[in-house]
């Protein structure tokens, strides 16, 4: 396993993925609207949302590889979802996101709408333990950021639905929240190449399916 900067992460994954590249651009008006929304709310994201810089890492991974079918496990109030959906607006894709808490789900819907990205989001309210198993896929990008003690099971459930060349990302892998068994399982999985972006204080594990 390698621990590298976000710039090196992008280069490594771009080389690994080969032909996947950005093939569509979001409209300038939408880009300006989303950027203004993110900047104006930059200091307000709490309630288990990812930091601004972590959202940008996720966005850049999607755009750089032209991913079009994303799954987010753990919406919270929508900060990471907005970054994912913004990327999807540029690749003509869509993100399916799951949140257990109804209050956070409703707030996320408002935030996503305000950012102008509702068309790129399928927001599900429910228990991800069940919904992840039921979603048919396939997906080419996954962001896992829900209950940490279920990380391994989420990975196992999504693996058959993740396309070859797809990317499974996991949050909170260097701040003590992800358990050692899960980390060992993914880092030594024969079908994945895994690196960790430590520019994130929480740590983002990036696992590319061979």
N, C-alpha and C. Protein backbone atom coordinates (compact mmCIF):
# COMPACT_ATOMS: atom_id res chain seq x y z
N UNK A 1 0.84 -1.20 0.00
CA UNK A 1 0.00 0.00 0.00
C UNK A 1 0.87 1.23 0.00
N UNK A 2 0.50 2.25 -0.78
CA UNK A 2 1.27 3.47 -0.85
C UNK A 2 0.47 4.61 -0.26
N UNK A 3 1.17 5.56 0.36
CA UNK A 3 0.53 6.75 0.90
C UNK A 3 1.08 7.93 0.12
N UNK A 4 0.23 8.64 -0.60
CA UNK A 4 0.70 9.64 -1.54
C UNK A 4 -0.16 10.87 -1.52
N UNK A 5 0.31 11.93 -2.18
CA UNK A 5 -0.45 13.17 -2.27
C UNK A 5 -1.56 13.02 -3.29
N UNK A 6 -2.52 13.97 -3.26
CA UNK A 6 -3.66 13.88 -4.17
C UNK A 6 -3.23 14.04 -5.63
N UNK A 7 -2.17 14.83 -5.88
CA UNK A 7 -1.71 15.00 -7.25
C UNK A 7 -1.15 13.68 -7.78
N UNK A 8 -0.34 13.02 -6.95
CA UNK A 8 0.22 11.74 -7.36
C UNK A 8 -0.87 10.69 -7.49
N UNK A 9 -1.86 10.73 -6.61
CA UNK A 9 -3.01 9.82 -6.70
C UNK A 9 -3.65 9.94 -8.08
N UNK A 10 -3.87 11.16 -8.51
CA UNK A 10 -4.53 11.37 -9.79
C UNK A 10 -3.70 10.80 -10.93
N UNK A 11 -2.38 11.04 -10.88
CA UNK A 11 -1.51 10.54 -11.95
C UNK A 11 -1.49 9.02 -11.96
N UNK A 12 -1.36 8.42 -10.78
CA UNK A 12 -1.32 6.96 -10.70
C UNK A 12 -2.59 6.33 -11.24
N UNK A 13 -3.72 6.86 -10.84
CA UNK A 13 -4.98 6.28 -11.27
C UNK A 13 -5.24 6.55 -12.74
N UNK A 14 -4.81 7.70 -13.23
CA UNK A 14 -4.99 7.99 -14.65
C UNK A 14 -4.19 7.01 -15.49
N UNK A 15 -2.96 6.73 -15.06
CA UNK A 15 -2.14 5.76 -15.78
C UNK A 15 -2.75 4.37 -15.73
N UNK A 16 -3.31 4.01 -14.56
CA UNK A 16 -3.87 2.67 -14.38
C UNK A 16 -5.10 2.47 -15.23
N UNK A 17 -5.93 3.52 -15.31
CA UNK A 17 -7.22 3.37 -15.98
C UNK A 17 -7.10 3.43 -17.50
N UNK A 18 -6.04 4.01 -18.00
CA UNK A 18 -5.81 3.99 -19.44
C UNK A 18 -6.71 4.92 -20.21
N UNK A 19 -7.74 4.36 -20.87
CA UNK A 19 -8.50 5.13 -21.85
C UNK A 19 -9.59 5.99 -21.27
N UNK A 20 -9.95 5.81 -20.00
CA UNK A 20 -11.05 6.59 -19.42
C UNK A 20 -10.63 8.04 -19.24
N UNK A 21 -11.37 8.95 -19.83
CA UNK A 21 -11.08 10.37 -19.70
C UNK A 21 -12.39 11.15 -19.69
N UNK A 22 -12.31 12.37 -19.25
CA UNK A 22 -13.49 13.22 -19.26
C UNK A 22 -13.98 13.39 -20.71
N UNK A 23 -15.27 13.29 -20.94
CA UNK A 23 -15.79 13.39 -22.30
C UNK A 23 -16.93 14.38 -22.43
N UNK A 24 -17.28 15.03 -21.34
CA UNK A 24 -18.33 16.05 -21.43
C UNK A 24 -18.07 17.11 -20.39
N UNK A 25 -18.50 18.32 -20.65
CA UNK A 25 -18.31 19.41 -19.70
C UNK A 25 -19.66 19.93 -19.23
N UNK A 26 -19.77 20.19 -17.95
CA UNK A 26 -20.97 20.82 -17.44
C UNK A 26 -21.08 22.23 -17.97
N UNK A 27 -22.30 22.75 -18.05
CA UNK A 27 -22.48 24.10 -18.54
C UNK A 27 -21.81 25.11 -17.63
N UNK A 28 -21.37 26.20 -18.23
CA UNK A 28 -20.66 27.23 -17.46
C UNK A 28 -21.55 27.83 -16.37
N UNK A 29 -22.83 27.99 -16.67
CA UNK A 29 -23.74 28.56 -15.68
C UNK A 29 -23.89 27.64 -14.48
N UNK A 30 -24.02 26.33 -14.74
CA UNK A 30 -24.13 25.37 -13.65
C UNK A 30 -22.84 25.33 -12.84
N UNK A 31 -21.71 25.29 -13.52
CA UNK A 31 -20.43 25.27 -12.82
C UNK A 31 -20.30 26.47 -11.89
N UNK A 32 -20.67 27.64 -12.39
CA UNK A 32 -20.56 28.86 -11.58
C UNK A 32 -21.50 28.79 -10.37
N UNK A 33 -22.70 28.25 -10.59
CA UNK A 33 -23.68 28.14 -9.50
C UNK A 33 -23.19 27.19 -8.41
N UNK A 34 -22.66 26.03 -8.81
CA UNK A 34 -22.17 25.05 -7.84
C UNK A 34 -20.97 25.59 -7.10
N UNK A 35 -20.06 26.18 -7.83
CA UNK A 35 -18.85 26.72 -7.20
C UNK A 35 -19.20 27.80 -6.18
N UNK A 36 -20.14 28.67 -6.53
CA UNK A 36 -20.57 29.72 -5.61
C UNK A 36 -21.21 29.13 -4.37
N UNK A 37 -22.03 28.08 -4.57
CA UNK A 37 -22.69 27.43 -3.43
C UNK A 37 -21.65 26.80 -2.50
N UNK A 38 -20.72 26.08 -3.06
CA UNK A 38 -19.70 25.41 -2.24
C UNK A 38 -18.84 26.42 -1.47
N UNK A 39 -18.47 27.48 -2.14
CA UNK A 39 -17.63 28.48 -1.48
C UNK A 39 -18.39 29.22 -0.37
N UNK A 40 -19.65 29.52 -0.62
CA UNK A 40 -20.42 30.26 0.37
C UNK A 40 -20.74 29.44 1.61
N UNK A 41 -20.76 28.12 1.46
CA UNK A 41 -21.07 27.24 2.59
C UNK A 41 -19.84 26.48 3.11
N UNK A 42 -18.67 26.90 2.66
CA UNK A 42 -17.45 26.13 2.92
C UNK A 42 -17.22 25.86 4.40
N UNK A 43 -17.54 26.80 5.27
CA UNK A 43 -17.27 26.66 6.70
C UNK A 43 -18.45 26.11 7.48
N UNK A 44 -19.51 25.73 6.79
CA UNK A 44 -20.74 25.36 7.48
C UNK A 44 -21.00 23.86 7.54
N UNK A 45 -20.18 23.06 6.88
CA UNK A 45 -20.47 21.63 6.79
C UNK A 45 -20.02 20.89 8.04
N UNK A 46 -20.99 20.46 8.80
CA UNK A 46 -20.71 19.66 10.00
C UNK A 46 -21.54 18.37 9.87
N UNK A 47 -22.00 17.84 10.95
CA UNK A 47 -22.95 16.72 10.92
C UNK A 47 -22.46 15.58 10.02
N UNK A 48 -21.17 15.19 10.21
CA UNK A 48 -20.59 14.04 9.52
C UNK A 48 -20.35 14.25 8.03
N UNK A 49 -20.25 15.49 7.58
CA UNK A 49 -19.90 15.77 6.20
C UNK A 49 -18.39 15.76 6.01
N UNK A 50 -17.95 15.53 4.78
CA UNK A 50 -16.52 15.55 4.50
C UNK A 50 -16.03 17.00 4.40
N UNK A 51 -14.75 17.24 4.65
CA UNK A 51 -14.19 18.57 4.44
C UNK A 51 -14.19 18.97 2.97
N UNK A 52 -14.05 20.25 2.71
CA UNK A 52 -14.05 20.80 1.36
C UNK A 52 -13.01 20.11 0.47
N UNK A 53 -11.79 20.01 0.96
CA UNK A 53 -10.70 19.45 0.15
C UNK A 53 -10.93 17.98 -0.19
N UNK A 54 -11.55 17.23 0.72
CA UNK A 54 -11.85 15.83 0.45
C UNK A 54 -12.90 15.70 -0.66
N UNK A 55 -13.87 16.60 -0.63
CA UNK A 55 -14.87 16.60 -1.70
C UNK A 55 -14.24 16.84 -3.05
N UNK A 56 -13.26 17.73 -3.08
CA UNK A 56 -12.58 18.03 -4.35
C UNK A 56 -11.80 16.82 -4.87
N UNK A 57 -11.19 16.06 -3.96
CA UNK A 57 -10.49 14.84 -4.38
C UNK A 57 -11.45 13.88 -5.08
N UNK A 58 -12.63 13.68 -4.49
CA UNK A 58 -13.63 12.78 -5.08
C UNK A 58 -14.08 13.29 -6.45
N UNK A 59 -14.36 14.58 -6.52
CA UNK A 59 -14.77 15.20 -7.78
C UNK A 59 -13.73 14.98 -8.87
N UNK A 60 -12.47 15.22 -8.54
CA UNK A 60 -11.41 15.13 -9.54
C UNK A 60 -11.18 13.69 -10.01
N UNK A 61 -11.35 12.73 -9.11
CA UNK A 61 -11.22 11.33 -9.51
C UNK A 61 -12.27 10.96 -10.54
N UNK A 62 -13.51 11.40 -10.31
CA UNK A 62 -14.61 11.09 -11.24
C UNK A 62 -14.40 11.76 -12.59
N UNK A 63 -14.12 13.05 -12.55
CA UNK A 63 -13.96 13.79 -13.80
C UNK A 63 -12.75 13.28 -14.58
N UNK A 64 -11.66 13.00 -13.88
CA UNK A 64 -10.45 12.58 -14.55
C UNK A 64 -10.56 11.24 -15.25
N UNK A 65 -11.50 10.42 -14.80
CA UNK A 65 -11.65 9.08 -15.38
C UNK A 65 -12.97 8.90 -16.13
N UNK A 66 -13.79 9.92 -16.15
CA UNK A 66 -15.03 9.83 -16.90
C UNK A 66 -16.04 8.87 -16.31
N UNK A 67 -16.01 8.68 -15.00
CA UNK A 67 -16.98 7.79 -14.36
C UNK A 67 -18.39 8.38 -14.48
N UNK A 68 -19.38 7.49 -14.63
CA UNK A 68 -20.75 7.97 -14.88
C UNK A 68 -21.80 7.36 -13.96
N UNK A 69 -21.44 6.36 -13.17
CA UNK A 69 -22.44 5.71 -12.31
C UNK A 69 -21.87 5.55 -10.91
N UNK A 70 -22.21 6.49 -10.04
CA UNK A 70 -21.62 6.52 -8.71
C UNK A 70 -22.61 6.07 -7.64
N UNK A 71 -22.07 5.49 -6.60
CA UNK A 71 -22.85 5.13 -5.41
C UNK A 71 -22.19 5.77 -4.21
N UNK A 72 -22.98 6.48 -3.43
CA UNK A 72 -22.49 7.06 -2.18
C UNK A 72 -23.23 6.41 -1.02
N UNK A 73 -22.47 5.87 -0.08
CA UNK A 73 -23.05 5.25 1.10
C UNK A 73 -22.84 6.20 2.28
N UNK A 74 -23.88 6.95 2.60
CA UNK A 74 -23.80 7.94 3.67
C UNK A 74 -23.86 9.35 3.11
N UNK A 75 -25.07 9.88 2.93
CA UNK A 75 -25.25 11.21 2.35
C UNK A 75 -24.93 12.32 3.33
N UNK A 76 -25.28 12.13 4.60
CA UNK A 76 -25.32 13.19 5.60
C UNK A 76 -26.20 14.32 5.05
N UNK A 77 -25.75 15.57 5.09
CA UNK A 77 -26.58 16.66 4.56
C UNK A 77 -26.14 17.10 3.18
N UNK A 78 -25.31 16.29 2.53
CA UNK A 78 -25.12 16.46 1.10
C UNK A 78 -23.86 17.12 0.60
N UNK A 79 -22.89 17.40 1.46
CA UNK A 79 -21.68 18.08 0.96
C UNK A 79 -20.94 17.21 -0.05
N UNK A 80 -20.61 15.98 0.34
CA UNK A 80 -19.90 15.10 -0.59
C UNK A 80 -20.78 14.79 -1.80
N UNK A 81 -22.08 14.66 -1.58
CA UNK A 81 -23.00 14.38 -2.69
C UNK A 81 -22.92 15.47 -3.75
N UNK A 82 -22.83 16.70 -3.31
CA UNK A 82 -22.75 17.83 -4.25
C UNK A 82 -21.47 17.75 -5.08
N UNK A 83 -20.36 17.40 -4.44
CA UNK A 83 -19.12 17.24 -5.19
C UNK A 83 -19.24 16.11 -6.21
N UNK A 84 -19.83 14.99 -5.79
CA UNK A 84 -20.02 13.85 -6.69
C UNK A 84 -20.95 14.22 -7.85
N UNK A 85 -22.05 14.87 -7.52
CA UNK A 85 -23.03 15.23 -8.54
C UNK A 85 -22.48 16.28 -9.50
N UNK A 86 -21.69 17.19 -8.99
CA UNK A 86 -21.05 18.19 -9.85
C UNK A 86 -20.16 17.48 -10.88
N UNK A 87 -19.40 16.49 -10.41
CA UNK A 87 -18.58 15.72 -11.33
C UNK A 87 -19.46 14.99 -12.35
N UNK A 88 -20.57 14.43 -11.88
CA UNK A 88 -21.47 13.71 -12.78
C UNK A 88 -22.09 14.63 -13.83
N UNK A 89 -22.27 15.89 -13.49
CA UNK A 89 -22.80 16.83 -14.47
C UNK A 89 -21.83 17.03 -15.63
N UNK A 90 -20.56 16.73 -15.37
CA UNK A 90 -19.53 16.90 -16.41
C UNK A 90 -19.31 15.62 -17.21
N UNK A 91 -19.71 14.49 -16.66
CA UNK A 91 -19.53 13.22 -17.37
C UNK A 91 -20.87 12.64 -17.84
N UNK A 92 -21.94 13.41 -17.64
CA UNK A 92 -23.30 13.00 -18.01
C UNK A 92 -23.71 11.73 -17.26
N UNK A 93 -23.37 11.71 -15.99
CA UNK A 93 -23.68 10.56 -15.16
C UNK A 93 -24.64 10.91 -14.05
N UNK A 94 -24.71 10.01 -13.07
CA UNK A 94 -25.63 10.20 -11.95
C UNK A 94 -25.08 9.49 -10.71
N UNK A 95 -25.36 10.06 -9.56
CA UNK A 95 -24.95 9.44 -8.30
C UNK A 95 -26.19 9.00 -7.52
N UNK A 96 -26.16 7.77 -7.06
CA UNK A 96 -27.17 7.26 -6.14
C UNK A 96 -26.61 7.36 -4.74
N UNK A 97 -27.32 8.02 -3.84
CA UNK A 97 -26.80 8.23 -2.50
C UNK A 97 -27.81 7.76 -1.46
N UNK A 98 -27.31 7.19 -0.37
CA UNK A 98 -28.16 6.58 0.65
C UNK A 98 -27.93 7.24 2.00
N UNK A 99 -29.02 7.59 2.68
CA UNK A 99 -28.95 8.17 4.03
C UNK A 99 -30.02 7.55 4.92
N UNK A 100 -29.61 7.20 6.13
CA UNK A 100 -30.52 6.56 7.08
C UNK A 100 -31.39 7.56 7.82
N UNK A 101 -30.81 8.74 8.15
CA UNK A 101 -31.49 9.72 8.99
C UNK A 101 -32.39 10.63 8.14
N UNK A 102 -33.67 10.67 8.47
CA UNK A 102 -34.63 11.42 7.65
C UNK A 102 -34.34 12.92 7.65
N UNK A 103 -33.97 13.47 8.80
CA UNK A 103 -33.68 14.90 8.88
C UNK A 103 -32.50 15.28 8.00
N UNK A 104 -31.43 14.49 8.06
CA UNK A 104 -30.26 14.77 7.22
C UNK A 104 -30.61 14.58 5.74
N UNK A 105 -31.41 13.57 5.45
CA UNK A 105 -31.83 13.31 4.07
C UNK A 105 -32.58 14.51 3.49
N UNK A 106 -33.51 15.05 4.26
CA UNK A 106 -34.30 16.20 3.79
C UNK A 106 -33.43 17.43 3.60
N UNK A 107 -32.49 17.65 4.52
CA UNK A 107 -31.59 18.79 4.38
C UNK A 107 -30.68 18.62 3.18
N UNK A 108 -30.25 17.39 2.93
CA UNK A 108 -29.41 17.13 1.76
C UNK A 108 -30.17 17.46 0.48
N UNK A 109 -31.43 17.07 0.40
CA UNK A 109 -32.23 17.36 -0.79
C UNK A 109 -32.31 18.86 -1.04
N UNK A 110 -32.48 19.63 0.03
CA UNK A 110 -32.54 21.10 -0.11
C UNK A 110 -31.21 21.65 -0.59
N UNK A 111 -30.12 21.15 -0.01
CA UNK A 111 -28.80 21.64 -0.40
C UNK A 111 -28.48 21.28 -1.85
N UNK A 112 -28.81 20.07 -2.24
CA UNK A 112 -28.55 19.63 -3.62
C UNK A 112 -29.36 20.47 -4.61
N UNK A 113 -30.60 20.76 -4.26
CA UNK A 113 -31.45 21.59 -5.12
C UNK A 113 -30.89 23.00 -5.22
N UNK A 114 -30.47 23.55 -4.09
CA UNK A 114 -29.93 24.91 -4.09
C UNK A 114 -28.67 25.00 -4.95
N UNK A 115 -27.89 23.92 -4.96
CA UNK A 115 -26.68 23.90 -5.77
C UNK A 115 -26.97 23.67 -7.25
N UNK A 116 -28.22 23.32 -7.57
CA UNK A 116 -28.61 23.14 -8.96
C UNK A 116 -28.30 21.77 -9.52
N UNK A 117 -28.18 20.76 -8.64
CA UNK A 117 -27.69 19.45 -9.07
C UNK A 117 -28.70 18.31 -8.90
N UNK A 118 -29.95 18.62 -8.67
CA UNK A 118 -30.95 17.58 -8.40
C UNK A 118 -31.07 16.58 -9.55
N UNK A 119 -30.86 17.01 -10.76
CA UNK A 119 -31.00 16.14 -11.93
C UNK A 119 -29.94 15.05 -11.98
N UNK A 120 -28.88 15.22 -11.20
CA UNK A 120 -27.77 14.27 -11.23
C UNK A 120 -27.70 13.39 -9.99
N UNK A 121 -28.78 13.43 -9.18
CA UNK A 121 -28.78 12.70 -7.90
C UNK A 121 -30.04 11.87 -7.75
N UNK A 122 -29.86 10.63 -7.34
CA UNK A 122 -30.96 9.75 -6.92
C UNK A 122 -30.75 9.51 -5.43
N UNK A 123 -31.45 10.27 -4.60
CA UNK A 123 -31.26 10.22 -3.15
C UNK A 123 -32.24 9.24 -2.52
N UNK A 124 -31.72 8.23 -1.84
CA UNK A 124 -32.55 7.20 -1.21
C UNK A 124 -32.51 7.36 0.32
N UNK A 125 -33.66 7.28 0.93
CA UNK A 125 -33.78 7.28 2.38
C UNK A 125 -33.99 5.84 2.85
N UNK A 126 -33.09 5.34 3.68
CA UNK A 126 -33.23 3.98 4.16
C UNK A 126 -31.94 3.46 4.75
N UNK A 127 -31.97 2.22 5.17
CA UNK A 127 -30.82 1.57 5.79
C UNK A 127 -29.90 1.03 4.70
N UNK A 128 -28.68 1.54 4.66
CA UNK A 128 -27.74 1.11 3.63
C UNK A 128 -27.39 -0.36 3.75
N UNK A 129 -27.50 -0.94 4.94
CA UNK A 129 -27.25 -2.37 5.11
C UNK A 129 -28.13 -3.18 4.16
N UNK A 130 -29.35 -2.71 3.96
CA UNK A 130 -30.30 -3.39 3.08
C UNK A 130 -30.24 -2.87 1.65
N UNK A 131 -30.20 -1.54 1.50
CA UNK A 131 -30.29 -0.94 0.17
C UNK A 131 -29.10 -1.27 -0.71
N UNK A 132 -27.91 -1.30 -0.12
CA UNK A 132 -26.72 -1.60 -0.92
C UNK A 132 -26.84 -2.98 -1.56
N UNK A 133 -27.40 -3.93 -0.83
CA UNK A 133 -27.59 -5.28 -1.37
C UNK A 133 -28.61 -5.29 -2.51
N UNK A 134 -29.61 -4.41 -2.41
CA UNK A 134 -30.71 -4.42 -3.37
C UNK A 134 -30.42 -3.65 -4.65
N UNK A 135 -29.56 -2.64 -4.59
CA UNK A 135 -29.27 -1.84 -5.78
C UNK A 135 -28.60 -2.71 -6.84
N UNK A 136 -29.09 -2.67 -8.08
CA UNK A 136 -28.57 -3.57 -9.11
C UNK A 136 -27.21 -3.17 -9.66
N UNK A 137 -26.88 -1.86 -9.63
CA UNK A 137 -25.66 -1.44 -10.29
C UNK A 137 -25.84 -1.54 -11.81
N UNK A 138 -24.74 -1.65 -12.58
CA UNK A 138 -23.37 -1.60 -12.07
C UNK A 138 -22.94 -0.17 -11.77
N UNK A 139 -21.89 -0.05 -10.99
CA UNK A 139 -21.31 1.24 -10.64
C UNK A 139 -19.86 1.28 -11.11
N UNK A 140 -19.36 2.48 -11.35
CA UNK A 140 -17.93 2.61 -11.65
C UNK A 140 -17.21 3.49 -10.63
N UNK A 141 -17.98 4.04 -9.67
CA UNK A 141 -17.36 4.82 -8.60
C UNK A 141 -18.20 4.65 -7.33
N UNK A 142 -17.54 4.42 -6.22
CA UNK A 142 -18.23 4.27 -4.93
C UNK A 142 -17.51 5.11 -3.88
N UNK A 143 -18.30 5.80 -3.07
CA UNK A 143 -17.75 6.51 -1.92
C UNK A 143 -18.45 5.98 -0.68
N UNK A 144 -17.69 5.34 0.20
CA UNK A 144 -18.22 4.73 1.42
C UNK A 144 -17.88 5.60 2.62
N UNK A 145 -18.92 6.11 3.30
CA UNK A 145 -18.69 7.02 4.42
C UNK A 145 -19.83 6.93 5.42
N UNK A 146 -20.35 5.71 5.62
CA UNK A 146 -21.43 5.53 6.60
C UNK A 146 -20.85 4.86 7.85
N UNK A 147 -21.57 3.94 8.45
CA UNK A 147 -21.12 3.31 9.70
C UNK A 147 -19.85 2.50 9.46
N UNK A 148 -18.82 2.88 10.21
CA UNK A 148 -17.48 2.35 9.95
C UNK A 148 -17.37 0.86 10.26
N UNK A 149 -18.15 0.38 11.22
CA UNK A 149 -18.08 -1.05 11.56
C UNK A 149 -18.72 -1.93 10.48
N UNK A 150 -19.32 -1.32 9.47
CA UNK A 150 -19.94 -2.06 8.37
C UNK A 150 -19.16 -1.86 7.07
N UNK A 151 -18.03 -1.20 7.14
CA UNK A 151 -17.25 -0.91 5.94
C UNK A 151 -16.93 -2.17 5.14
N UNK A 152 -16.48 -3.21 5.82
CA UNK A 152 -16.08 -4.43 5.12
C UNK A 152 -17.27 -5.05 4.40
N UNK A 153 -18.43 -5.07 5.05
CA UNK A 153 -19.61 -5.67 4.43
C UNK A 153 -20.07 -4.85 3.23
N UNK A 154 -20.00 -3.52 3.34
CA UNK A 154 -20.35 -2.69 2.18
C UNK A 154 -19.45 -3.04 1.00
N UNK A 155 -18.16 -3.16 1.27
CA UNK A 155 -17.21 -3.48 0.20
C UNK A 155 -17.55 -4.82 -0.44
N UNK A 156 -17.83 -5.81 0.39
CA UNK A 156 -18.16 -7.15 -0.12
C UNK A 156 -19.44 -7.11 -0.95
N UNK A 157 -20.44 -6.34 -0.48
CA UNK A 157 -21.71 -6.27 -1.20
C UNK A 157 -21.60 -5.54 -2.53
N UNK A 158 -20.75 -4.52 -2.58
CA UNK A 158 -20.64 -3.71 -3.80
C UNK A 158 -19.68 -4.32 -4.81
N UNK A 159 -18.70 -5.05 -4.36
CA UNK A 159 -17.65 -5.57 -5.24
C UNK A 159 -18.19 -6.21 -6.52
N UNK A 160 -19.21 -7.09 -6.46
CA UNK A 160 -19.71 -7.71 -7.70
C UNK A 160 -20.38 -6.71 -8.64
N UNK A 161 -20.77 -5.55 -8.11
CA UNK A 161 -21.49 -4.55 -8.90
C UNK A 161 -20.57 -3.44 -9.42
N UNK A 162 -19.29 -3.50 -9.04
CA UNK A 162 -18.33 -2.49 -9.46
C UNK A 162 -17.63 -2.95 -10.73
N UNK A 163 -17.65 -2.11 -11.74
CA UNK A 163 -17.06 -2.44 -13.02
C UNK A 163 -15.54 -2.57 -12.92
N UNK A 164 -14.98 -3.35 -13.80
CA UNK A 164 -13.53 -3.39 -13.93
C UNK A 164 -13.02 -2.00 -14.31
N UNK A 165 -11.99 -1.53 -13.61
CA UNK A 165 -11.52 -0.17 -13.80
C UNK A 165 -12.23 0.83 -12.92
N UNK A 166 -13.25 0.36 -12.20
CA UNK A 166 -14.00 1.22 -11.29
C UNK A 166 -13.21 1.52 -10.02
N UNK A 167 -13.69 2.50 -9.28
CA UNK A 167 -12.96 3.00 -8.12
C UNK A 167 -13.85 2.94 -6.88
N UNK A 168 -13.33 2.31 -5.83
CA UNK A 168 -14.03 2.25 -4.54
C UNK A 168 -13.24 3.10 -3.56
N UNK A 169 -13.85 4.20 -3.08
CA UNK A 169 -13.17 5.08 -2.15
C UNK A 169 -13.81 4.98 -0.76
N UNK A 170 -12.96 5.08 0.26
CA UNK A 170 -13.42 4.94 1.64
C UNK A 170 -12.87 6.09 2.48
N UNK A 171 -13.74 6.72 3.25
CA UNK A 171 -13.33 7.86 4.08
C UNK A 171 -12.95 7.39 5.49
N UNK A 172 -12.19 8.23 6.19
CA UNK A 172 -11.80 8.00 7.59
C UNK A 172 -10.95 6.75 7.78
N UNK A 173 -9.90 6.62 6.98
CA UNK A 173 -9.07 5.42 7.09
C UNK A 173 -7.75 5.65 7.83
N UNK A 174 -7.43 6.91 8.18
CA UNK A 174 -6.21 7.16 8.95
C UNK A 174 -6.49 7.87 10.26
N UNK A 175 -7.75 8.09 10.57
CA UNK A 175 -8.07 8.77 11.83
C UNK A 175 -8.60 7.82 12.90
N UNK A 176 -8.41 6.53 12.66
CA UNK A 176 -8.77 5.54 13.68
C UNK A 176 -10.19 5.04 13.62
N UNK A 177 -10.99 5.51 12.67
CA UNK A 177 -12.40 5.09 12.62
C UNK A 177 -12.60 3.78 11.87
N UNK A 178 -11.79 3.53 10.84
CA UNK A 178 -11.91 2.28 10.09
C UNK A 178 -11.11 1.20 10.80
N UNK A 179 -11.71 0.01 10.97
CA UNK A 179 -11.02 -1.03 11.73
C UNK A 179 -9.95 -1.72 10.89
N UNK A 180 -8.97 -2.29 11.58
CA UNK A 180 -7.79 -2.87 10.94
C UNK A 180 -8.15 -4.04 10.03
N UNK A 181 -9.16 -4.80 10.41
CA UNK A 181 -9.54 -5.96 9.60
C UNK A 181 -10.02 -5.53 8.22
N UNK A 182 -10.82 -4.49 8.17
CA UNK A 182 -11.29 -3.97 6.89
C UNK A 182 -10.13 -3.47 6.05
N UNK A 183 -9.26 -2.67 6.65
CA UNK A 183 -8.13 -2.12 5.91
C UNK A 183 -7.25 -3.22 5.34
N UNK A 184 -6.98 -4.23 6.13
CA UNK A 184 -6.16 -5.34 5.69
C UNK A 184 -6.84 -6.10 4.55
N UNK A 185 -8.14 -6.28 4.68
CA UNK A 185 -8.92 -7.01 3.67
C UNK A 185 -8.81 -6.33 2.30
N UNK A 186 -8.99 -5.02 2.28
CA UNK A 186 -8.98 -4.29 1.01
C UNK A 186 -7.57 -4.15 0.45
N UNK A 187 -6.63 -3.80 1.33
CA UNK A 187 -5.27 -3.57 0.87
C UNK A 187 -4.63 -4.81 0.28
N UNK A 188 -5.08 -5.98 0.71
CA UNK A 188 -4.51 -7.23 0.23
C UNK A 188 -5.42 -7.98 -0.74
N UNK A 189 -6.48 -7.31 -1.19
CA UNK A 189 -7.41 -7.93 -2.12
C UNK A 189 -6.75 -8.07 -3.49
N UNK A 190 -6.77 -9.26 -4.04
CA UNK A 190 -6.06 -9.54 -5.29
C UNK A 190 -6.65 -8.81 -6.49
N UNK A 191 -7.90 -8.38 -6.38
CA UNK A 191 -8.55 -7.74 -7.53
C UNK A 191 -8.48 -6.22 -7.49
N UNK A 192 -7.77 -5.66 -6.51
CA UNK A 192 -7.71 -4.21 -6.36
C UNK A 192 -6.29 -3.71 -6.16
N UNK A 193 -6.04 -2.53 -6.68
CA UNK A 193 -4.82 -1.78 -6.37
C UNK A 193 -5.24 -0.62 -5.47
N UNK A 194 -4.63 -0.53 -4.29
CA UNK A 194 -5.08 0.43 -3.29
C UNK A 194 -3.97 1.39 -2.88
N UNK A 195 -4.34 2.67 -2.82
CA UNK A 195 -3.45 3.70 -2.29
C UNK A 195 -4.25 4.57 -1.32
N UNK A 196 -3.54 5.35 -0.50
CA UNK A 196 -4.22 6.23 0.45
C UNK A 196 -3.76 7.66 0.23
N UNK A 197 -4.73 8.54 0.08
CA UNK A 197 -4.45 9.97 -0.02
C UNK A 197 -4.42 10.55 1.38
N UNK A 198 -3.24 10.92 1.84
CA UNK A 198 -3.08 11.47 3.19
C UNK A 198 -3.11 12.99 3.22
N UNK A 199 -3.43 13.63 2.10
CA UNK A 199 -3.67 15.06 2.16
C UNK A 199 -4.96 15.34 2.94
N UNK A 200 -5.80 14.32 3.01
CA UNK A 200 -7.01 14.38 3.84
C UNK A 200 -6.64 14.03 5.28
N UNK A 201 -7.07 14.85 6.22
CA UNK A 201 -6.78 14.56 7.63
C UNK A 201 -7.46 13.26 8.07
N UNK A 202 -8.60 12.95 7.46
CA UNK A 202 -9.31 11.72 7.79
C UNK A 202 -8.74 10.53 7.03
N UNK A 203 -8.20 10.80 5.85
CA UNK A 203 -7.65 9.75 5.01
C UNK A 203 -8.69 9.19 4.05
N UNK A 204 -8.36 9.18 2.77
CA UNK A 204 -9.23 8.60 1.75
C UNK A 204 -8.51 7.42 1.12
N UNK A 205 -9.07 6.23 1.29
CA UNK A 205 -8.49 5.06 0.65
C UNK A 205 -9.11 4.92 -0.74
N UNK A 206 -8.27 4.77 -1.74
CA UNK A 206 -8.69 4.72 -3.13
C UNK A 206 -8.30 3.37 -3.69
N UNK A 207 -9.30 2.56 -3.99
CA UNK A 207 -9.07 1.19 -4.44
C UNK A 207 -9.60 1.03 -5.85
N UNK A 208 -8.71 0.74 -6.78
CA UNK A 208 -9.08 0.62 -8.18
C UNK A 208 -9.21 -0.85 -8.54
N UNK A 209 -10.35 -1.21 -9.11
CA UNK A 209 -10.59 -2.61 -9.47
C UNK A 209 -9.87 -2.97 -10.77
N UNK A 210 -9.14 -4.06 -10.75
CA UNK A 210 -8.35 -4.47 -11.91
C UNK A 210 -9.26 -5.00 -13.02
